[in-house]
Protein backbone atom coordinates (compact mmCIF):
# COMPACT_ATOMS: atom_id res chain seq x y z
CA MET A 1 113.32 115.69 119.28
CA ALA A 2 114.88 113.38 117.57
CA GLY A 3 118.89 113.69 117.88
CA PRO A 4 121.08 114.42 114.42
CA SER A 5 121.85 111.13 112.51
CA VAL A 6 125.92 110.48 112.57
CA ILE A 7 128.17 108.12 110.35
CA VAL A 8 131.30 107.07 111.85
CA VAL A 9 133.68 105.68 109.81
CA GLY A 10 136.39 104.09 111.59
CA SER A 11 138.19 101.13 113.95
CA CYS A 12 136.67 98.68 116.30
CA ASN A 13 139.23 96.71 118.45
CA LEU A 14 138.94 94.57 121.79
CA ASP A 15 140.77 96.83 124.20
CA LEU A 16 143.25 94.51 126.60
CA VAL A 17 143.30 96.46 129.60
CA ALA A 18 146.31 96.29 132.43
CA PHE A 19 145.97 98.31 135.36
CA CYS A 20 149.21 99.17 137.43
CA GLU A 21 150.24 101.37 140.47
CA ARG A 22 152.34 103.56 137.61
CA LEU A 23 153.36 103.00 134.13
CA PRO A 24 156.51 100.92 133.03
CA ARG A 25 159.82 102.22 132.26
CA PRO A 26 161.74 101.13 129.29
CA GLY A 27 162.57 97.53 129.73
CA GLU A 28 160.74 96.96 133.30
CA THR A 29 158.23 94.66 133.98
CA LEU A 30 155.38 95.48 136.49
CA THR A 31 152.56 93.37 138.29
CA ALA A 32 149.22 94.22 137.14
CA SER A 33 146.79 94.78 139.85
CA ASP A 34 143.64 93.86 137.64
CA PHE A 35 143.01 93.26 133.96
CA GLU A 36 139.80 93.62 131.54
CA ARG A 37 138.89 92.74 128.42
CA VAL A 38 136.54 96.19 127.03
CA PRO A 39 135.48 96.86 123.78
CA GLY A 40 137.06 99.81 121.94
CA GLY A 41 138.72 101.40 119.31
CA LYS A 42 138.25 104.67 118.02
CA GLY A 43 135.96 104.49 115.52
CA ALA A 44 133.63 102.38 117.92
CA ASN A 45 134.40 104.24 120.85
CA GLN A 46 133.07 107.45 119.34
CA ALA A 47 129.85 105.54 117.66
CA VAL A 48 128.83 104.66 121.15
CA ALA A 49 129.58 107.97 122.46
CA ALA A 50 127.38 109.96 120.37
CA ALA A 51 124.69 107.18 120.38
CA ARG A 52 124.67 107.73 124.52
CA LEU A 53 124.50 111.43 123.53
CA GLY A 54 121.26 111.29 121.58
CA ALA A 55 122.63 110.77 118.16
CA TYR A 56 120.99 108.06 115.48
CA VAL A 57 124.50 105.86 114.69
CA ARG A 58 125.33 104.29 111.74
CA PHE A 59 128.94 102.47 112.37
CA VAL A 60 131.17 101.64 109.63
CA GLY A 61 133.84 99.27 110.33
CA CYS A 62 135.57 95.72 110.06
CA ILE A 63 136.29 93.13 112.40
CA GLY A 64 137.47 89.63 112.05
CA ASN A 65 135.03 86.52 112.52
CA ASP A 66 136.51 85.63 115.78
CA GLU A 67 135.61 85.83 119.72
CA HIS A 68 137.14 89.29 119.64
CA GLY A 69 134.98 90.80 117.12
CA ARG A 70 132.04 89.23 119.18
CA LEU A 71 133.07 90.81 122.05
CA ALA A 72 134.68 94.10 120.41
CA THR A 73 130.92 94.91 119.23
CA ALA A 74 129.09 94.27 122.50
CA GLY A 75 129.31 97.95 123.58
CA LEU A 76 128.10 99.10 119.95
CA GLU A 77 125.34 96.70 120.12
CA GLU A 78 124.34 97.61 123.70
CA ALA A 79 123.93 101.39 122.46
CA GLY A 80 121.49 100.76 119.84
CA VAL A 81 124.10 101.84 116.99
CA ASP A 82 123.25 100.40 113.42
CA LEU A 83 125.98 97.86 112.53
CA SER A 84 124.67 97.50 108.72
CA GLY A 85 127.77 98.98 107.43
CA LEU A 86 130.12 96.52 109.55
CA ARG A 87 131.78 93.88 107.65
CA ARG A 88 133.53 90.49 109.02
CA VAL A 89 136.41 88.73 107.36
CA ASP A 90 137.83 85.57 107.55
CA ASP A 91 141.53 86.02 106.82
CA GLU A 92 142.54 88.87 109.71
CA PRO A 93 141.79 88.76 113.11
CA THR A 94 139.65 91.37 114.87
CA GLY A 95 142.21 94.87 116.16
CA LEU A 96 143.23 94.81 119.42
CA ALA A 97 144.54 97.59 121.31
CA LEU A 98 147.18 96.82 124.60
CA ILE A 99 146.49 99.29 127.04
CA VAL A 100 148.37 99.86 130.75
CA VAL A 101 146.70 102.34 132.73
CA SER A 102 148.63 103.92 135.88
CA GLU A 103 146.48 104.90 139.44
CA GLY A 104 146.74 108.30 138.14
CA GLY A 105 144.81 107.73 134.91
CA ASP A 106 147.94 107.97 132.78
CA ASN A 107 147.79 105.16 129.94
CA GLN A 108 150.21 103.74 127.17
CA ILE A 109 148.65 102.01 124.27
CA VAL A 110 149.68 100.12 121.61
CA VAL A 111 147.31 99.20 118.80
CA VAL A 112 147.52 96.26 116.23
CA PRO A 113 145.36 97.00 113.42
CA GLY A 114 144.12 93.63 112.43
CA ALA A 115 140.91 93.60 110.54
CA ASN A 116 141.02 97.49 110.52
CA ARG A 117 143.49 97.35 107.81
CA ARG A 118 140.92 95.71 105.54
CA LEU A 119 138.35 98.81 105.68
CA ASP A 120 138.77 100.07 102.36
CA ALA A 121 136.89 103.12 100.26
CA ALA A 122 134.16 100.79 99.22
CA ASP A 123 133.27 100.35 102.38
CA ALA A 124 132.96 103.84 103.80
CA ASP A 125 130.02 105.76 101.63
CA ALA A 126 128.96 108.34 104.41
CA THR A 127 125.94 110.00 102.47
CA GLY A 128 122.55 110.94 104.06
CA ALA A 129 123.81 112.03 107.63
CA ASP A 130 123.96 115.23 109.46
CA ALA A 131 127.18 114.83 110.33
CA VAL A 132 130.28 112.50 109.51
CA LEU A 133 133.07 111.42 111.80
CA THR A 134 136.32 109.47 111.11
CA GLN A 135 139.54 108.81 112.62
CA LEU A 136 143.04 107.57 111.95
CA GLU A 137 143.09 104.04 112.83
CA ILE A 138 141.71 102.80 109.40
CA PRO A 139 143.43 103.20 105.83
CA LEU A 140 143.45 106.71 104.41
CA GLU A 141 141.46 105.64 101.30
CA ALA A 142 138.98 104.75 103.71
CA VAL A 143 139.06 108.16 105.52
CA ALA A 144 139.40 109.63 101.88
CA ARG A 145 136.07 108.13 100.64
CA ALA A 146 134.32 109.29 103.97
CA THR A 147 135.10 112.94 103.30
CA GLU A 148 134.23 112.58 99.78
CA THR A 149 130.77 111.31 100.25
CA SER A 150 130.01 113.53 103.23
CA THR A 151 126.85 115.23 102.82
CA GLY A 152 126.69 116.77 106.15
CA LEU A 153 129.06 118.12 108.73
CA THR A 154 132.47 116.34 108.04
CA ALA A 155 134.78 115.62 110.84
CA LEU A 156 137.85 114.30 111.27
CA ASN A 157 139.60 113.35 114.72
CA ALA A 158 142.90 113.32 113.38
CA ALA A 159 144.30 110.39 115.93
CA PRO A 160 146.55 108.56 116.08
CA ALA A 161 149.25 111.23 114.61
CA ARG A 162 149.95 110.59 111.25
CA ASP A 163 150.40 112.21 107.92
CA VAL A 164 147.06 113.04 106.10
CA PRO A 165 146.51 114.46 102.33
CA PRO A 166 145.95 117.91 102.23
CA GLU A 167 143.11 117.38 100.09
CA THR A 168 141.37 115.05 102.63
CA LEU A 169 141.89 117.62 105.29
CA ALA A 170 140.69 120.64 103.29
CA ARG A 171 136.91 118.31 102.40
CA CYS A 172 136.82 118.74 106.62
CA ASP A 173 134.68 120.89 108.39
CA LEU A 174 136.10 120.07 111.70
CA ILE A 175 139.26 118.62 113.00
CA VAL A 176 140.03 117.62 116.19
CA ALA A 177 143.81 116.84 117.22
CA ASN A 178 145.89 117.22 120.31
CA SER A 179 149.33 119.09 120.35
CA PHE A 180 151.15 116.00 119.24
CA GLU A 181 148.58 115.05 116.05
CA LEU A 182 148.75 118.71 115.20
CA ASP A 183 152.58 118.57 114.73
CA ALA A 184 151.82 115.45 112.34
CA LEU A 185 149.53 117.47 110.41
CA GLY A 186 152.21 120.25 109.90
CA SER A 187 151.13 123.23 107.65
CA SER A 188 148.36 121.40 106.13
CA PRO A 189 144.83 123.08 105.74
CA LEU A 190 142.95 122.84 109.26
CA GLY A 191 139.27 122.97 108.22
CA PRO A 192 136.84 125.95 108.56
CA LEU A 193 137.17 124.50 112.35
CA PHE A 194 139.77 123.48 114.46
CA ALA A 195 139.71 122.06 118.04
CA LEU A 196 142.94 121.78 119.71
CA THR A 197 142.68 119.36 122.93
CA LEU A 198 144.63 120.43 125.71
CA GLY A 199 144.34 117.39 128.24
CA ALA A 200 143.27 118.98 131.87
CA ASP A 201 143.76 122.40 130.32
CA GLY A 202 140.70 121.91 128.22
CA ALA A 203 140.31 122.92 124.42
CA LEU A 204 140.58 125.54 122.01
CA LEU A 205 138.33 125.81 119.16
CA LEU A 206 139.83 127.94 116.05
CA GLU A 207 138.45 129.41 112.96
CA GLY A 208 140.74 130.17 110.06
CA GLY A 209 143.54 130.08 112.83
CA GLU A 210 141.32 132.22 115.16
CA GLU A 211 140.23 131.48 118.40
CA VAL A 212 136.61 131.73 118.82
CA ALA A 213 135.72 129.78 121.92
CA ARG A 214 137.75 128.37 124.66
CA ALA A 215 136.58 125.47 127.73
CA THR A 216 137.98 124.04 130.42
CA PRO A 217 136.90 120.67 131.76
CA PRO A 218 134.93 120.22 135.03
CA SER A 219 137.32 119.02 138.06
CA VAL A 220 137.34 115.31 138.37
CA THR A 221 139.50 112.64 139.94
CA ALA A 222 141.22 110.95 137.10
CA VAL A 223 140.94 106.98 136.78
CA ASP A 224 141.62 106.25 132.84
CA GLY A 225 142.09 108.61 130.06
CA THR A 226 141.73 106.06 126.99
CA ALA A 227 138.84 107.25 125.94
CA ALA A 228 138.60 110.87 127.00
CA GLY A 229 139.45 112.11 123.60
CA ASP A 230 136.77 109.94 122.04
CA ALA A 231 134.25 111.29 124.22
CA PHE A 232 135.07 115.02 123.68
CA THR A 233 135.20 114.51 119.65
CA ALA A 234 131.71 112.63 120.00
CA CYS A 235 130.31 115.45 121.96
CA LEU A 236 131.41 118.24 120.02
CA VAL A 237 130.41 116.81 116.61
CA VAL A 238 126.64 115.80 118.39
CA SER A 239 126.53 119.08 119.62
CA LEU A 240 127.20 121.13 116.57
CA ALA A 241 124.93 118.76 114.85
CA GLU A 242 122.59 119.89 117.14
CA GLY A 243 122.98 123.50 116.05
CA ARG A 244 124.47 124.48 119.64
CA PRO A 245 126.40 127.79 119.51
CA ARG A 246 129.84 126.80 119.47
CA ASP A 247 131.04 127.68 122.90
CA GLU A 248 128.15 125.90 124.56
CA ALA A 249 129.17 122.44 121.96
CA LEU A 250 133.11 123.13 123.09
CA GLU A 251 132.13 123.27 126.83
CA ARG A 252 129.97 120.25 126.72
CA ALA A 253 132.81 118.53 124.78
CA CYS A 254 135.60 119.26 127.62
CA ALA A 255 132.47 118.29 130.40
CA ALA A 256 132.25 114.73 128.29
CA GLY A 257 136.05 113.89 128.26
CA ALA A 258 136.22 114.94 131.89
CA ILE A 259 133.40 112.38 132.66
CA ALA A 260 135.49 109.43 130.58
CA ALA A 261 138.71 110.28 132.27
CA SER A 262 137.09 109.90 135.66
CA ARG A 263 135.78 106.19 134.80
CA PRO A 264 137.67 103.03 133.86
CA GLY A 265 137.63 101.09 130.62
CA ALA A 266 136.95 102.97 127.35
CA GLN A 267 133.40 102.63 126.17
CA PRO A 268 132.00 101.71 129.72
CA SER A 269 133.27 105.31 130.71
CA LEU A 270 131.26 107.13 127.91
CA PRO A 271 128.75 109.60 129.23
CA THR A 272 125.21 109.87 128.36
CA ALA A 273 123.90 113.30 127.54
CA ALA A 274 121.95 113.75 130.98
CA GLU A 275 125.01 113.31 132.59
CA VAL A 276 126.93 116.00 130.79
CA ASP A 277 123.89 118.33 131.63
CA ALA A 278 124.14 117.22 135.15
CA ILE A 279 127.91 118.26 135.70
CA LEU A 280 127.72 121.15 133.83
CA ALA A 281 124.79 122.46 136.15
CA ALA A 282 126.59 121.26 139.38
């Protein structure tokens, strides 16, 4: 059976990742044990994750016409994501993420948006898919357009933490956020469904403010949590678009996030549907 169709409107970055014994303190210089350039960006990560989980995915984003852009899209191409909605610009470089990862899997991330700032409302038409997923590493005008034009399940990963107009949130069927991102949303409407992620403690799914599902992730050894939230979000959206019950969808999402946290890198860590099935069956 063919998987659901998903349009992801979001960021595409090249991650510059330094691996260190621990995270540096303010003003401290550490020597990295390793360094990698890895395709990333919350939007691209979630597009790759959804494709690996069996969805047909179209990605809408913006990159620079540069070497970083060619490296940043490698994971999307490998996953078979439709890139007809990807625009290249000459006057902005491809976005970058500067990431430090500790041996315990904790990270610090600074994003340099670059060409992601050029994604505008005209780019972000999201009609015709079973689900639309967007995030907050792109201009809010593009996020708003994606939610306005969505004709399927409309999902927002409210990350990174920032203010979002209430009218945009009100158009979302599902909002995913951690506690920091929830604080940034304040008293705004949180959609019919709201998933609160709790890291190693799992996640809650709320409907109208009432808990309807709770799940904890399988036990794994944390290596790099960079894309764990992206794996969680994509898996929750794909699972709901597949028509799975909410408790099963949340359980699968927690499992996907755990698998991603147990592997290095952003997109290289993202699991397939078979891997999610296997860890839940173990």
